[in-house]
């Protein structure tokens, strides 16, 4: 599973930094690393969902208004 978390300005303005930190903690991998469960976490700088941030992508599927708890549940399912 590849989890991309937007770290661009528009997403940061609506809480992406906290969401990224918590998501990394929940999945057990820092940015640029892969968790023991096989989740690769990457920072990206725009997923094109600036009006619905913070944005993320799970294996290429866009997640608008992403929350750490929901992302962690999705990648562990």
PDB file of N, CA and C in Angstrom:
ATOM      1  N   UNK A   1       0.857  -1.181   0.000  1.00  0.00           N
ATOM      2  CA  UNK A   1       0.000   0.000   0.000  1.00  0.00           C
ATOM      3  C   UNK A   1       0.893   1.230   0.000  1.00  0.00           C
ATOM      4  N   UNK A   2       0.577   2.176  -0.861  1.00  0.00           N
ATOM      5  CA  UNK A   2       1.308   3.447  -0.891  1.00  0.00           C
ATOM      6  C   UNK A   2       0.361   4.544  -0.416  1.00  0.00           C
ATOM      7  N   UNK A   3       0.755   5.198   0.652  1.00  0.00           N
ATOM      8  CA  UNK A   3      -0.026   6.269   1.252  1.00  0.00           C
ATOM      9  C   UNK A   3       0.706   7.577   1.010  1.00  0.00           C
ATOM     10  N   UNK A   4       0.100   8.460   0.216  1.00  0.00           N
ATOM     11  CA  UNK A   4       0.694   9.760  -0.075  1.00  0.00           C
ATOM     12  C   UNK A   4      -0.074  10.823   0.690  1.00  0.00           C
ATOM     13  N   UNK A   5       0.663  11.654   1.414  1.00  0.00           N
ATOM     14  CA  UNK A   5       0.073  12.700   2.238  1.00  0.00           C
ATOM     15  C   UNK A   5       0.517  14.054   1.723  1.00  0.00           C
ATOM     16  N   UNK A   6      -0.444  14.926   1.429  1.00  0.00           N
ATOM     17  CA  UNK A   6      -0.108  16.238   0.875  1.00  0.00           C
ATOM     18  C   UNK A   6       0.453  17.148   1.948  1.00  0.00           C
ATOM     19  N   UNK A   7       1.595  17.737   1.654  1.00  0.00           N
ATOM     20  CA  UNK A   7       2.257  18.660   2.570  1.00  0.00           C
ATOM     21  C   UNK A   7       2.376  20.060   1.966  1.00  0.00           C
ATOM     22  N   UNK A   8       1.567  20.351   0.955  1.00  0.00           N
ATOM     23  CA  UNK A   8       1.610  21.658   0.302  1.00  0.00           C
ATOM     24  C   UNK A   8       0.906  22.712   1.167  1.00  0.00           C
ATOM     25  N   UNK A   9       1.061  23.960   0.801  1.00  0.00           N
ATOM     26  CA  UNK A   9       0.582  25.081   1.599  1.00  0.00           C
ATOM     27  C   UNK A   9      -0.903  25.030   1.905  1.00  0.00           C
ATOM     28  N   UNK A  10      -1.732  24.761   0.910  1.00  0.00           N
ATOM     29  CA  UNK A  10      -3.183  24.763   1.137  1.00  0.00           C
ATOM     30  C   UNK A  10      -3.578  23.690   2.147  1.00  0.00           C
ATOM     31  N   UNK A  11      -2.980  22.531   2.068  1.00  0.00           N
ATOM     32  CA  UNK A  11      -3.300  21.466   3.023  1.00  0.00           C
ATOM     33  C   UNK A  11      -2.716  21.766   4.405  1.00  0.00           C
ATOM     34  N   UNK A  12      -1.517  22.358   4.434  1.00  0.00           N
ATOM     35  CA  UNK A  12      -0.935  22.741   5.725  1.00  0.00           C
ATOM     36  C   UNK A  12      -1.820  23.748   6.444  1.00  0.00           C
ATOM     37  N   UNK A  13      -2.460  24.625   5.679  1.00  0.00           N
ATOM     38  CA  UNK A  13      -3.312  25.657   6.270  1.00  0.00           C
ATOM     39  C   UNK A  13      -4.531  25.065   6.976  1.00  0.00           C
ATOM     40  N   UNK A  14      -4.886  23.829   6.634  1.00  0.00           N
ATOM     41  CA  UNK A  14      -6.052  23.202   7.265  1.00  0.00           C
ATOM     42  C   UNK A  14      -5.671  21.969   8.086  1.00  0.00           C
ATOM     43  N   UNK A  15      -4.424  21.942   8.570  1.00  0.00           N
ATOM     44  CA  UNK A  15      -4.034  20.922   9.530  1.00  0.00           C
ATOM     45  C   UNK A  15      -3.258  19.730   9.027  1.00  0.00           C
ATOM     46  N   UNK A  16      -2.671  19.811   7.846  1.00  0.00           N
ATOM     47  CA  UNK A  16      -1.957  18.658   7.298  1.00  0.00           C
ATOM     48  C   UNK A  16      -0.757  18.245   8.133  1.00  0.00           C
ATOM     49  N   UNK A  17      -0.054  19.181   8.728  1.00  0.00           N
ATOM     50  CA  UNK A  17       1.141  18.808   9.497  1.00  0.00           C
ATOM     51  C   UNK A  17       0.781  17.870  10.653  1.00  0.00           C
ATOM     52  N   UNK A  18      -0.264  18.195  11.385  1.00  0.00           N
ATOM     53  CA  UNK A  18      -0.703  17.340  12.486  1.00  0.00           C
ATOM     54  C   UNK A  18      -1.233  16.012  11.954  1.00  0.00           C
ATOM     55  N   UNK A  19      -1.980  16.049  10.859  1.00  0.00           N
ATOM     56  CA  UNK A  19      -2.530  14.835  10.262  1.00  0.00           C
ATOM     57  C   UNK A  19      -1.397  13.914   9.807  1.00  0.00           C
ATOM     58  N   UNK A  20      -0.367  14.467   9.206  1.00  0.00           N
ATOM     59  CA  UNK A  20       0.770  13.675   8.737  1.00  0.00           C
ATOM     60  C   UNK A  20       1.485  13.022   9.919  1.00  0.00           C
ATOM     61  N   UNK A  21       1.761  13.802  10.951  1.00  0.00           N
ATOM     62  CA  UNK A  21       2.458  13.261  12.120  1.00  0.00           C
ATOM     63  C   UNK A  21       1.665  12.128  12.763  1.00  0.00           C
ATOM     64  N   UNK A  22       0.369  12.327  12.938  1.00  0.00           N
ATOM     65  CA  UNK A  22      -0.452  11.297  13.568  1.00  0.00           C
ATOM     66  C   UNK A  22      -0.607  10.072  12.671  1.00  0.00           C
ATOM     67  N   UNK A  23      -0.741  10.287  11.366  1.00  0.00           N
ATOM     68  CA  UNK A  23      -0.871   9.156  10.451  1.00  0.00           C
ATOM     69  C   UNK A  23       0.396   8.309  10.471  1.00  0.00           C
ATOM     70  N   UNK A  24       1.554   8.953  10.437  1.00  0.00           N
ATOM     71  CA  UNK A  24       2.823   8.215  10.502  1.00  0.00           C
ATOM     72  C   UNK A  24       2.902   7.399  11.785  1.00  0.00           C
ATOM     73  N   UNK A  25       2.510   7.999  12.895  1.00  0.00           N
ATOM     74  CA  UNK A  25       2.524   7.296  14.179  1.00  0.00           C
ATOM     75  C   UNK A  25       1.575   6.102  14.145  1.00  0.00           C
ATOM     76  N   UNK A  26       0.379   6.301  13.608  1.00  0.00           N
ATOM     77  CA  UNK A  26      -0.621   5.225  13.589  1.00  0.00           C
ATOM     78  C   UNK A  26      -0.216   4.059  12.700  1.00  0.00           C
ATOM     79  N   UNK A  27       0.430   4.337  11.551  1.00  0.00           N
ATOM     80  CA  UNK A  27       0.804   3.228  10.659  1.00  0.00           C
ATOM     81  C   UNK A  27       2.186   2.672  10.988  1.00  0.00           C
ATOM     82  N   UNK A  28       2.953   3.381  11.804  1.00  0.00           N
ATOM     83  CA  UNK A  28       4.257   2.875  12.230  1.00  0.00           C
ATOM     84  C   UNK A  28       5.376   3.072  11.226  1.00  0.00           C
ATOM     85  N   UNK A  29       5.319   4.180  10.483  1.00  0.00           N
ATOM     86  CA  UNK A  29       6.382   4.480   9.517  1.00  0.00           C
ATOM     87  C   UNK A  29       6.533   5.988   9.375  1.00  0.00           C
ATOM     88  N   UNK A  30       7.763   6.450   9.309  1.00  0.00           N
ATOM     89  CA  UNK A  30       8.034   7.865   9.060  1.00  0.00           C
ATOM     90  C   UNK A  30       7.891   8.152   7.569  1.00  0.00           C
ATOM     91  N   UNK A  31       7.830   9.431   7.221  1.00  0.00           N
ATOM     92  CA  UNK A  31       7.767   9.803   5.808  1.00  0.00           C
ATOM     93  C   UNK A  31       8.956   9.208   5.061  1.00  0.00           C
ATOM     94  N   UNK A  32       8.698   8.631   3.917  1.00  0.00           N
ATOM     95  CA  UNK A  32       9.754   8.038   3.111  1.00  0.00           C
ATOM     96  C   UNK A  32      10.110   6.622   3.513  1.00  0.00           C
ATOM     97  N   UNK A  33       9.392   6.071   4.484  1.00  0.00           N
ATOM     98  CA  UNK A  33       9.672   4.719   4.956  1.00  0.00           C
ATOM     99  C   UNK A  33       8.471   3.807   4.741  1.00  0.00           C
ATOM    100  N   UNK A  34       8.710   2.514   4.919  1.00  0.00           N
ATOM    101  CA  UNK A  34       7.666   1.505   4.810  1.00  0.00           C
ATOM    102  C   UNK A  34       7.501   0.828   6.160  1.00  0.00           C
ATOM    103  N   UNK A  35       6.269   0.695   6.607  1.00  0.00           N
ATOM    104  CA  UNK A  35       5.991   0.067   7.900  1.00  0.00           C
ATOM    105  C   UNK A  35       6.210  -1.434   7.822  1.00  0.00           C
ATOM    106  N   UNK A  36       6.257  -2.071   8.977  1.00  0.00           N
ATOM    107  CA  UNK A  36       6.387  -3.526   9.038  1.00  0.00           C
ATOM    108  C   UNK A  36       5.211  -4.199   8.354  1.00  0.00           C
ATOM    109  N   UNK A  37       4.064  -3.519   8.328  1.00  0.00           N
ATOM    110  CA  UNK A  37       2.873  -4.060   7.674  1.00  0.00           C
ATOM    111  C   UNK A  37       2.816  -3.798   6.179  1.00  0.00           C
ATOM    112  N   UNK A  38       3.855  -3.163   5.624  1.00  0.00           N
ATOM    113  CA  UNK A  38       3.913  -2.936   4.182  1.00  0.00           C
ATOM    114  C   UNK A  38       3.288  -1.653   3.690  1.00  0.00           C
ATOM    115  N   UNK A  39       3.109  -0.668   4.560  1.00  0.00           N
ATOM    116  CA  UNK A  39       2.546   0.618   4.153  1.00  0.00           C
ATOM    117  C   UNK A  39       3.682   1.601   3.909  1.00  0.00           C
ATOM    118  N   UNK A  40       3.806   2.065   2.686  1.00  0.00           N
ATOM    119  CA  UNK A  40       4.809   3.065   2.308  1.00  0.00           C
ATOM    120  C   UNK A  40       4.188   4.443   2.483  1.00  0.00           C
ATOM    121  N   UNK A  41       4.827   5.325   3.262  1.00  0.00           N
ATOM    122  CA  UNK A  41       4.292   6.661   3.532  1.00  0.00           C
ATOM    123  C   UNK A  41       5.164   7.692   2.827  1.00  0.00           C
ATOM    124  N   UNK A  42       4.541   8.504   1.993  1.00  0.00           N
ATOM    125  CA  UNK A  42       5.277   9.510   1.221  1.00  0.00           C
ATOM    126  C   UNK A  42       4.626  10.878   1.362  1.00  0.00           C
ATOM    127  N   UNK A  43       5.450  11.918   1.394  1.00  0.00           N
ATOM    128  CA  UNK A  43       4.947  13.291   1.347  1.00  0.00           C
ATOM    129  C   UNK A  43       4.910  13.720  -0.114  1.00  0.00           C
ATOM    130  N   UNK A  44       3.839  14.373  -0.502  1.00  0.00           N
ATOM    131  CA  UNK A  44       3.725  14.915  -1.852  1.00  0.00           C
ATOM    132  C   UNK A  44       3.342  16.383  -1.736  1.00  0.00           C
ATOM    133  N   UNK A  45       3.504  17.116  -2.816  1.00  0.00           N
ATOM    134  CA  UNK A  45       3.241  18.545  -2.768  1.00  0.00           C
ATOM    135  C   UNK A  45       2.191  18.950  -3.770  1.00  0.00           C
ATOM    136  N   UNK A  46       1.038  18.359  -3.664  1.00  0.00           N
ATOM    137  CA  UNK A  46      -0.232  18.707  -4.270  1.00  0.00           C
ATOM    138  C   UNK A  46      -0.843  17.493  -4.937  1.00  0.00           C
ATOM    139  N   UNK A  47      -2.038  17.197  -4.493  1.00  0.00           N
ATOM    140  CA  UNK A  47      -2.830  16.119  -5.076  1.00  0.00           C
ATOM    141  C   UNK A  47      -4.011  16.684  -5.855  1.00  0.00           C
ATOM    142  N   UNK A  48      -4.083  18.014  -5.955  1.00  0.00           N
ATOM    143  CA  UNK A  48      -5.136  18.653  -6.728  1.00  0.00           C
ATOM    144  C   UNK A  48      -6.467  18.763  -6.006  1.00  0.00           C
ATOM    145  N   UNK A  49      -6.462  18.609  -4.707  1.00  0.00           N
ATOM    146  CA  UNK A  49      -7.704  18.711  -3.926  1.00  0.00           C
ATOM    147  C   UNK A  49      -7.558  19.821  -2.900  1.00  0.00           C
ATOM    148  N   UNK A  50      -7.020  20.933  -3.319  1.00  0.00           N
ATOM    149  CA  UNK A  50      -6.693  22.026  -2.403  1.00  0.00           C
ATOM    150  C   UNK A  50      -7.906  22.548  -1.639  1.00  0.00           C
ATOM    151  N   UNK A  51      -9.061  22.543  -2.242  1.00  0.00           N
ATOM    152  CA  UNK A  51     -10.260  23.047  -1.576  1.00  0.00           C
ATOM    153  C   UNK A  51     -10.830  22.049  -0.577  1.00  0.00           C
ATOM    154  N   UNK A  52     -10.320  20.821  -0.592  1.00  0.00           N
ATOM    155  CA  UNK A  52     -10.856  19.767   0.284  1.00  0.00           C
ATOM    156  C   UNK A  52      -9.741  19.135   1.109  1.00  0.00           C
ATOM    157  N   UNK A  53      -8.786  19.950   1.530  1.00  0.00           N
ATOM    158  CA  UNK A  53      -7.656  19.427   2.284  1.00  0.00           C
ATOM    159  C   UNK A  53      -7.970  19.232   3.744  1.00  0.00           C
ATOM    160  N   UNK A  54      -7.117  18.554   4.468  1.00  0.00           N
ATOM    161  CA  UNK A  54      -5.905  17.953   3.941  1.00  0.00           C
ATOM    162  C   UNK A  54      -6.228  16.750   3.051  1.00  0.00           C
ATOM    163  N   UNK A  55      -5.412  16.584   2.028  1.00  0.00           N
ATOM    164  CA  UNK A  55      -5.645  15.531   1.049  1.00  0.00           C
ATOM    165  C   UNK A  55      -4.620  14.416   1.193  1.00  0.00           C
ATOM    166  N   UNK A  56      -5.040  13.237   0.783  1.00  0.00           N
ATOM    167  CA  UNK A  56      -4.158  12.078   0.797  1.00  0.00           C
ATOM    168  C   UNK A  56      -4.538  11.190  -0.382  1.00  0.00           C
ATOM    169  N   UNK A  57      -3.701  10.201  -0.618  1.00  0.00           N
ATOM    170  CA  UNK A  57      -3.964   9.230  -1.671  1.00  0.00           C
ATOM    171  C   UNK A  57      -3.587   7.854  -1.137  1.00  0.00           C
ATOM    172  N   UNK A  58      -4.487   6.901  -1.299  1.00  0.00           N
ATOM    173  CA  UNK A  58      -4.242   5.525  -0.886  1.00  0.00           C
ATOM    174  C   UNK A  58      -4.226   4.679  -2.151  1.00  0.00           C
ATOM    175  N   UNK A  59      -3.033   4.200  -2.526  1.00  0.00           N
ATOM    176  CA  UNK A  59      -2.867   3.434  -3.768  1.00  0.00           C
ATOM    177  C   UNK A  59      -3.518   4.126  -4.959  1.00  0.00           C
ATOM    178  N   UNK A  60      -3.347   5.452  -5.033  1.00  0.00           N
ATOM    179  CA  UNK A  60      -3.840   6.216  -6.174  1.00  0.00           C
ATOM    180  C   UNK A  60      -5.263   6.728  -6.043  1.00  0.00           C
ATOM    181  N   UNK A  61      -5.966   6.350  -4.997  1.00  0.00           N
ATOM    182  CA  UNK A  61      -7.335   6.824  -4.784  1.00  0.00           C
ATOM    183  C   UNK A  61      -7.314   8.035  -3.870  1.00  0.00           C
ATOM    184  N   UNK A  62      -7.850   9.143  -4.344  1.00  0.00           N
ATOM    185  CA  UNK A  62      -7.844  10.400  -3.601  1.00  0.00           C
ATOM    186  C   UNK A  62      -8.742  10.323  -2.376  1.00  0.00           C
ATOM    187  N   UNK A  63      -8.247  10.863  -1.269  1.00  0.00           N
ATOM    188  CA  UNK A  63      -9.028  10.977  -0.035  1.00  0.00           C
ATOM    189  C   UNK A  63      -9.037  12.453   0.341  1.00  0.00           C
ATOM    190  N   UNK A  64     -10.209  13.091   0.263  1.00  0.00           N
ATOM    191  CA  UNK A  64     -10.347  14.497   0.629  1.00  0.00           C
ATOM    192  C   UNK A  64     -10.674  14.610   2.112  1.00  0.00           C
ATOM    193  N   UNK A  65     -10.297  15.732   2.698  1.00  0.00           N
ATOM    194  CA  UNK A  65     -10.520  15.977   4.128  1.00  0.00           C
ATOM    195  C   UNK A  65     -10.048  14.778   4.956  1.00  0.00           C
ATOM    196  N   UNK A  66      -8.842  14.359   4.659  1.00  0.00           N
ATOM    197  CA  UNK A  66      -8.263  13.165   5.272  1.00  0.00           C
ATOM    198  C   UNK A  66      -8.034  13.350   6.768  1.00  0.00           C
ATOM    199  N   UNK A  67      -8.274  12.285   7.502  1.00  0.00           N
ATOM    200  CA  UNK A  67      -8.034  12.246   8.945  1.00  0.00           C
ATOM    201  C   UNK A  67      -7.148  11.035   9.233  1.00  0.00           C
ATOM    202  N   UNK A  68      -6.235  11.193  10.165  1.00  0.00           N
ATOM    203  CA  UNK A  68      -5.271  10.143  10.478  1.00  0.00           C
ATOM    204  C   UNK A  68      -5.937   8.827  10.850  1.00  0.00           C
ATOM    205  N   UNK A  69      -6.946   8.875  11.676  1.00  0.00           N
ATOM    206  CA  UNK A  69      -7.624   7.658  12.118  1.00  0.00           C
ATOM    207  C   UNK A  69      -8.224   6.900  10.931  1.00  0.00           C
ATOM    208  N   UNK A  70      -8.879   7.611  10.044  1.00  0.00           N
ATOM    209  CA  UNK A  70      -9.491   6.978   8.878  1.00  0.00           C
ATOM    210  C   UNK A  70      -8.468   6.417   7.921  1.00  0.00           C
ATOM    211  N   UNK A  71      -7.375   7.141   7.695  1.00  0.00           N
ATOM    212  CA  UNK A  71      -6.329   6.664   6.792  1.00  0.00           C
ATOM    213  C   UNK A  71      -5.678   5.414   7.342  1.00  0.00           C
ATOM    214  N   UNK A  72      -5.374   5.414   8.632  1.00  0.00           N
ATOM    215  CA  UNK A  72      -4.737   4.251   9.247  1.00  0.00           C
ATOM    216  C   UNK A  72      -5.656   3.033   9.166  1.00  0.00           C
ATOM    217  N   UNK A  73      -6.941   3.252   9.374  1.00  0.00           N
ATOM    218  CA  UNK A  73      -7.894   2.138   9.282  1.00  0.00           C
ATOM    219  C   UNK A  73      -7.968   1.600   7.849  1.00  0.00           C
ATOM    220  N   UNK A  74      -7.924   2.508   6.866  1.00  0.00           N
ATOM    221  CA  UNK A  74      -7.983   2.084   5.466  1.00  0.00           C
ATOM    222  C   UNK A  74      -6.797   1.246   5.047  1.00  0.00           C
ATOM    223  N   UNK A  75      -5.624   1.637   5.463  1.00  0.00           N
ATOM    224  CA  UNK A  75      -4.420   0.909   5.017  1.00  0.00           C
ATOM    225  C   UNK A  75      -4.186  -0.357   5.797  1.00  0.00           C
ATOM    226  N   UNK A  76      -4.841  -0.509   6.936  1.00  0.00           N
ATOM    227  CA  UNK A  76      -4.661  -1.727   7.714  1.00  0.00           C
ATOM    228  C   UNK A  76      -5.752  -2.754   7.434  1.00  0.00           C
ATOM    229  N   UNK A  77      -6.756  -2.361   6.681  1.00  0.00           N
ATOM    230  CA  UNK A  77      -7.875  -3.269   6.384  1.00  0.00           C
ATOM    231  C   UNK A  77      -7.512  -4.325   5.364  1.00  0.00           C
TER     232      UNK A  77
END
